[in-house]
Protein backbone atom coordinates (compact mmCIF):
# COMPACT_ATOMS: atom_id res chain seq x y z
CA UNK A 1 21.39 18.69 -15.76
CA UNK A 2 19.29 21.64 -16.73
CA UNK A 3 15.72 22.12 -15.08
CA UNK A 4 14.39 22.35 -18.72
CA UNK A 5 15.37 18.48 -19.08
CA UNK A 6 13.42 17.15 -15.95
CA UNK A 7 9.90 17.57 -17.48
CA UNK A 8 8.63 20.66 -15.77
CA UNK A 9 5.91 23.02 -17.03
CA UNK A 10 6.57 26.62 -18.43
CA UNK A 11 5.21 28.25 -15.32
CA UNK A 12 7.59 26.57 -13.10
CA UNK A 13 10.70 26.98 -15.29
CA UNK A 14 9.73 30.60 -15.29
CA UNK A 15 9.76 30.60 -11.52
CA UNK A 16 13.17 28.60 -11.35
CA UNK A 17 14.58 31.25 -13.72
CA UNK A 18 13.16 34.07 -11.60
CA UNK A 19 14.84 32.45 -8.56
CA UNK A 20 18.30 32.40 -10.36
CA UNK A 21 18.75 28.83 -10.81
CA UNK A 22 20.03 27.21 -13.79
CA UNK A 23 21.19 23.81 -13.10
CA UNK A 24 19.58 21.53 -11.00
CA UNK A 25 21.62 20.32 -7.79
CA UNK A 26 22.04 16.34 -7.73
CA UNK A 27 19.16 15.45 -5.29
CA UNK A 28 16.98 17.80 -7.56
CA UNK A 29 17.96 16.03 -10.80
CA UNK A 30 17.13 12.74 -9.31
CA UNK A 31 14.12 13.16 -7.23
CA UNK A 32 12.04 15.53 -9.56
CA UNK A 33 11.45 12.69 -12.55
CA UNK A 34 10.95 10.05 -9.78
CA UNK A 35 8.34 12.31 -8.09
CA UNK A 36 6.55 13.35 -10.91
CA UNK A 37 6.24 9.49 -12.08
CA UNK A 38 4.30 9.09 -8.75
CA UNK A 39 6.80 7.17 -7.12
CA UNK A 40 7.61 7.31 -3.44
CA UNK A 41 11.14 8.42 -2.42
CA UNK A 42 13.83 8.06 0.13
CA UNK A 43 16.02 10.97 -0.29
CA UNK A 44 19.28 10.90 1.46
CA UNK A 45 21.23 14.18 1.37
CA UNK A 46 22.35 17.10 3.73
CA UNK A 47 20.68 20.32 4.47
CA UNK A 48 21.31 23.10 1.84
CA UNK A 49 21.41 21.01 -1.00
CA UNK A 50 18.12 22.03 -2.60
CA UNK A 51 15.58 19.62 -1.31
CA UNK A 52 12.58 22.04 -0.95
CA UNK A 53 12.59 22.21 -4.81
CA UNK A 54 13.39 18.66 -5.32
CA UNK A 55 9.82 17.74 -3.53
CA UNK A 56 8.05 21.30 -4.25
CA UNK A 57 8.06 21.46 -7.92
CA UNK A 58 6.89 17.93 -8.50
CA UNK A 59 4.06 18.64 -6.09
CA UNK A 60 3.15 22.06 -7.49
CA UNK A 61 3.13 20.70 -11.19
CA UNK A 62 0.54 17.99 -10.16
CA UNK A 63 -1.85 20.14 -8.34
CA UNK A 64 -5.64 19.90 -9.33
CA UNK A 65 -6.90 23.43 -9.37
CA UNK A 66 -10.48 22.02 -9.55
CA UNK A 67 -10.18 20.01 -6.13
CA UNK A 68 -10.90 22.26 -3.42
CA UNK A 69 -9.02 20.31 -0.85
CA UNK A 70 -5.51 20.04 0.69
CA UNK A 71 -3.52 17.95 -1.81
CA UNK A 72 -0.21 17.84 -0.24
CA UNK A 73 1.32 18.01 3.19
CA UNK A 74 4.96 18.71 4.04
CA UNK A 75 6.09 17.94 7.74
CA UNK A 76 9.10 20.08 8.85
CA UNK A 77 10.81 19.55 12.37
CA UNK A 78 11.02 23.27 13.37
CA UNK A 79 8.77 26.44 12.87
CA UNK A 80 11.85 28.22 11.32
CA UNK A 81 11.74 25.09 8.46
CA UNK A 82 7.87 25.19 8.25
CA UNK A 83 8.10 28.70 7.48
CA UNK A 84 10.97 28.88 5.03
CA UNK A 85 9.75 25.85 3.10
CA UNK A 86 6.38 27.71 2.75
CA UNK A 87 7.88 30.76 1.55
CA UNK A 88 9.82 28.80 -1.11
CA UNK A 89 6.72 26.87 -2.04
CA UNK A 90 4.96 30.00 -2.59
CA UNK A 91 7.65 31.81 -4.60
CA UNK A 92 7.96 28.67 -6.97
CA UNK A 93 4.11 28.29 -7.27
CA UNK A 94 3.31 31.89 -7.77
CA UNK A 95 2.68 31.29 -11.50
CA UNK A 96 0.43 28.43 -10.62
CA UNK A 97 -1.29 30.55 -8.17
CA UNK A 98 -0.91 27.97 -5.54
CA UNK A 99 -2.39 28.34 -2.20
CA UNK A 100 0.25 27.43 0.24
CA UNK A 101 -0.04 28.08 3.99
CA UNK A 102 1.97 27.01 7.41
CA UNK A 103 0.95 25.56 10.67
CA UNK A 104 3.16 25.79 13.64
CA UNK A 105 3.18 25.51 17.54
CA UNK A 106 3.68 28.69 19.56
CA UNK A 107 1.45 30.85 17.43
CA UNK A 108 -2.05 31.77 17.66
CA UNK A 109 -4.36 28.65 16.99
CA UNK A 110 -7.30 30.60 16.32
CA UNK A 111 -5.69 32.62 13.62
CA UNK A 112 -4.37 29.34 12.09
CA UNK A 113 -7.91 27.72 12.31
CA UNK A 114 -9.49 31.16 10.51
CA UNK A 115 -7.11 31.02 7.74
CA UNK A 116 -7.35 27.19 6.97
CA UNK A 117 -10.87 27.86 6.08
CA UNK A 118 -9.82 29.22 2.83
CA UNK A 119 -8.48 25.73 2.01
CA UNK A 120 -4.84 25.74 0.96
CA UNK A 121 -3.76 23.26 -1.66
CA UNK A 122 -0.37 22.50 0.22
CA UNK A 123 -0.09 22.65 3.97
CA UNK A 124 3.28 22.95 5.43
CA UNK A 125 3.72 22.24 9.33
CA UNK A 126 5.61 21.15 12.31
CA UNK A 127 4.19 17.60 13.73
CA UNK A 128 2.37 18.52 16.96
CA UNK A 129 0.58 21.46 15.53
CA UNK A 130 -0.57 19.28 12.64
CA UNK A 131 -1.72 16.76 14.95
CA UNK A 132 -3.56 19.24 16.89
CA UNK A 133 -5.27 20.54 13.70
CA UNK A 134 -6.33 17.04 12.94
CA UNK A 135 -7.89 16.08 16.25
CA UNK A 136 -9.68 19.67 16.29
CA UNK A 137 -10.96 18.49 12.82
CA UNK A 138 -10.11 21.98 11.36
CA UNK A 139 -7.99 20.31 8.68
CA UNK A 140 -8.84 17.25 6.86
CA UNK A 141 -6.51 14.83 4.53
CA UNK A 142 -8.99 12.83 2.55
CA UNK A 143 -7.81 14.76 -0.64
CA UNK A 144 -4.01 14.50 -0.03
CA UNK A 145 -1.77 12.83 -2.71
CA UNK A 146 1.62 13.54 -1.38
CA UNK A 147 3.16 13.61 1.86
CA UNK A 148 6.68 14.79 2.54
CA UNK A 149 8.65 14.29 5.54
CA UNK A 150 11.62 16.61 5.78
CA UNK A 151 14.71 16.29 7.98
CA UNK A 152 13.28 12.69 8.89
CA UNK A 153 16.35 12.03 11.31
CA UNK A 154 16.01 15.59 13.16
CA UNK A 155 12.26 14.88 13.74
CA UNK A 156 13.28 11.56 15.28
CA UNK A 157 15.91 13.41 17.43
CA UNK A 158 13.14 15.53 18.61
CA UNK A 159 10.82 12.71 19.71
CA UNK A 160 8.14 13.20 16.77
CA UNK A 161 8.13 9.91 15.45
CA UNK A 162 4.74 8.89 17.08
CA UNK A 163 3.27 11.99 15.97
CA UNK A 164 4.16 11.64 12.17
CA UNK A 165 2.85 7.88 12.17
CA UNK A 166 -0.39 9.53 13.51
CA UNK A 167 -0.45 11.85 10.79
CA UNK A 168 0.20 9.15 8.14
CA UNK A 169 -2.75 7.18 9.40
CA UNK A 170 -5.09 10.47 8.58
CA UNK A 171 -3.51 10.63 5.27
CA UNK A 172 -4.08 7.16 4.28
CA UNK A 173 -5.68 7.66 0.96
CA UNK A 174 -2.17 9.50 -0.12
CA UNK A 175 -0.89 8.03 -3.19
CA UNK A 176 2.73 9.16 -2.66
CA UNK A 177 5.37 9.60 0.28
CA UNK A 178 8.45 11.47 -0.19
CA UNK A 179 11.10 11.35 3.02
CA UNK A 180 14.49 13.13 3.21
CA UNK A 181 16.84 12.66 5.85
CA UNK A 182 20.63 13.55 6.15
CA UNK A 183 21.14 9.98 8.09
CA UNK A 184 19.15 6.96 7.91
CA UNK A 185 19.15 5.43 11.18
CA UNK A 186 17.38 2.03 12.04
CA UNK A 187 13.86 3.94 13.07
CA UNK A 188 13.74 5.91 9.76
CA UNK A 189 14.27 2.76 7.85
CA UNK A 190 11.19 1.37 9.74
CA UNK A 191 9.21 4.37 9.05
CA UNK A 192 10.02 3.74 5.10
CA UNK A 193 9.10 0.06 5.14
CA UNK A 194 5.76 0.71 7.25
CA UNK A 195 4.48 3.49 5.33
CA UNK A 196 6.00 3.51 1.96
CA UNK A 197 5.36 1.56 -1.20
CA UNK A 198 8.45 0.30 -3.14
CA UNK A 199 10.55 3.51 -2.45
CA UNK A 200 13.23 4.68 -4.61
CA UNK A 201 16.16 5.48 -2.72
CA UNK A 202 17.92 8.51 -4.04
CA UNK A 203 21.79 8.81 -2.06
CA UNK A 204 23.46 12.06 -2.48
CA UNK A 205 27.02 11.56 -0.96
CA UNK A 206 28.36 14.61 1.08
CA UNK A 207 31.50 16.06 -0.50
CA UNK A 208 31.85 18.42 2.17
CA UNK A 209 31.16 18.56 5.96
CA UNK A 210 28.73 21.80 4.87
CA UNK A 211 26.99 22.90 1.76
CA UNK A 212 29.07 23.85 -1.17
CA UNK A 213 27.91 27.48 -1.18
CA UNK A 214 29.35 28.25 2.21
CA UNK A 215 32.72 29.68 2.63
CA UNK A 216 34.30 28.95 5.97
CA UNK A 217 37.38 30.73 7.38
CA UNK A 218 38.85 30.65 11.08
CA UNK A 219 40.58 33.00 12.85
CA UNK A 220 43.33 32.09 15.66
CA UNK A 221 43.16 34.64 18.32
CA UNK A 222 43.78 34.98 22.07
CA UNK A 223 40.52 34.42 24.33
CA UNK A 224 40.72 38.26 25.68
CA UNK A 225 40.99 39.40 21.98
CA UNK A 226 37.96 37.53 20.61
CA UNK A 227 35.23 40.04 20.98
CA UNK A 228 37.25 43.17 19.60
CA UNK A 229 38.21 40.76 16.54
CA UNK A 230 34.68 39.86 15.84
CA UNK A 231 33.95 43.64 16.20
CA UNK A 232 36.63 44.34 13.60
CA UNK A 233 35.32 41.46 11.43
CA UNK A 234 31.52 42.68 11.38
CA UNK A 235 32.91 46.14 10.51
CA UNK A 236 35.14 45.24 7.59
CA UNK A 237 32.26 42.72 6.21
CA UNK A 238 29.47 44.86 7.00
CA UNK A 239 26.79 42.06 6.49
CA UNK A 240 23.22 43.08 6.38
CA UNK A 241 22.51 40.08 8.85
CA UNK A 242 24.59 37.86 10.83
CA UNK A 243 24.08 34.75 13.23
CA UNK A 244 26.93 34.64 16.19
CA UNK A 245 26.74 31.27 18.31
CA UNK A 246 27.68 31.07 21.97
CA UNK A 247 28.82 28.20 23.75
CA UNK A 248 26.41 29.10 26.75
CA UNK A 249 23.28 31.02 27.48
CA UNK A 250 25.56 33.41 29.97
CA UNK A 251 28.07 33.70 26.79
CA UNK A 252 24.88 34.69 24.37
CA UNK A 253 23.60 37.20 27.32
CA UNK A 254 27.62 38.76 27.63
CA UNK A 255 27.71 38.79 23.83
CA UNK A 256 24.42 40.67 23.27
CA UNK A 257 25.42 43.16 25.68
CA UNK A 258 28.53 43.79 24.61
CA UNK A 259 27.57 44.27 21.00
CA UNK A 260 24.59 46.67 21.80
CA UNK A 261 26.89 48.70 23.99
CA UNK A 262 29.21 49.05 20.86
CA UNK A 263 26.13 50.49 18.98
CA UNK A 264 25.19 47.47 16.91
CA UNK A 265 22.00 46.39 16.52
CA UNK A 266 21.78 42.89 18.13
CA UNK A 267 19.33 40.61 20.04
CA UNK A 268 20.10 37.34 21.89
CA UNK A 269 18.32 33.89 22.11
CA UNK A 270 18.56 30.98 23.94
CA UNK A 271 16.26 28.68 25.97
CA UNK A 272 15.83 30.92 29.06
CA UNK A 273 14.44 33.89 27.02
């Protein structure tokens, strides 16, 4: 289905075209009309299927430019996802001149408080930091119309369910709740029953174990040849950016040292750093 068939305005269609998208993914095609009509939606779809645009485009279309208040909040499990979502919503809402801001833990809260004085229309954040701002009264959710819970099962695994319930009680005047999750364990279903109003369920079957746009290969090598083989692959493919996963923290340190010693611009990251 083409985006032009989904009831989106010209500014958003222009932004979609600029991003290089032509046809809506299944989650977008099914969610956008429901969200535009004001329905609560539970979307079951794996990561990488275009969920951000599925909830972001209807939010952007329904923004009231005369209302000086936060009109939508998007709750994400990690700072990386929160930043990524904020950037995508900003890109899609550029022609709408949408004000989108992100808050997350591990960053200077004073700087966030100062930035929040220029009230955003859409606020993206991680549960702990959003709750912190609510308790400090540095954000108000009285004008919030839509709340999005993204990657809800991941937030459950990280122990954020109570924080999410608290945030939802602050946003009790909302008109719409959109929940997205790759799986639907009982606590997520209970969250939907407790906080959502007759939600429409959109289920996208996973055709593959990973997203369609990822090509996967494996190379069978001896243990003592792995590092040299990886370096040759990096030289041949010449990627601008690459992520290498190691099984242990020690292995990550060994890989980082080895890559740096061979002249690659590499840095390690794990729980002890």
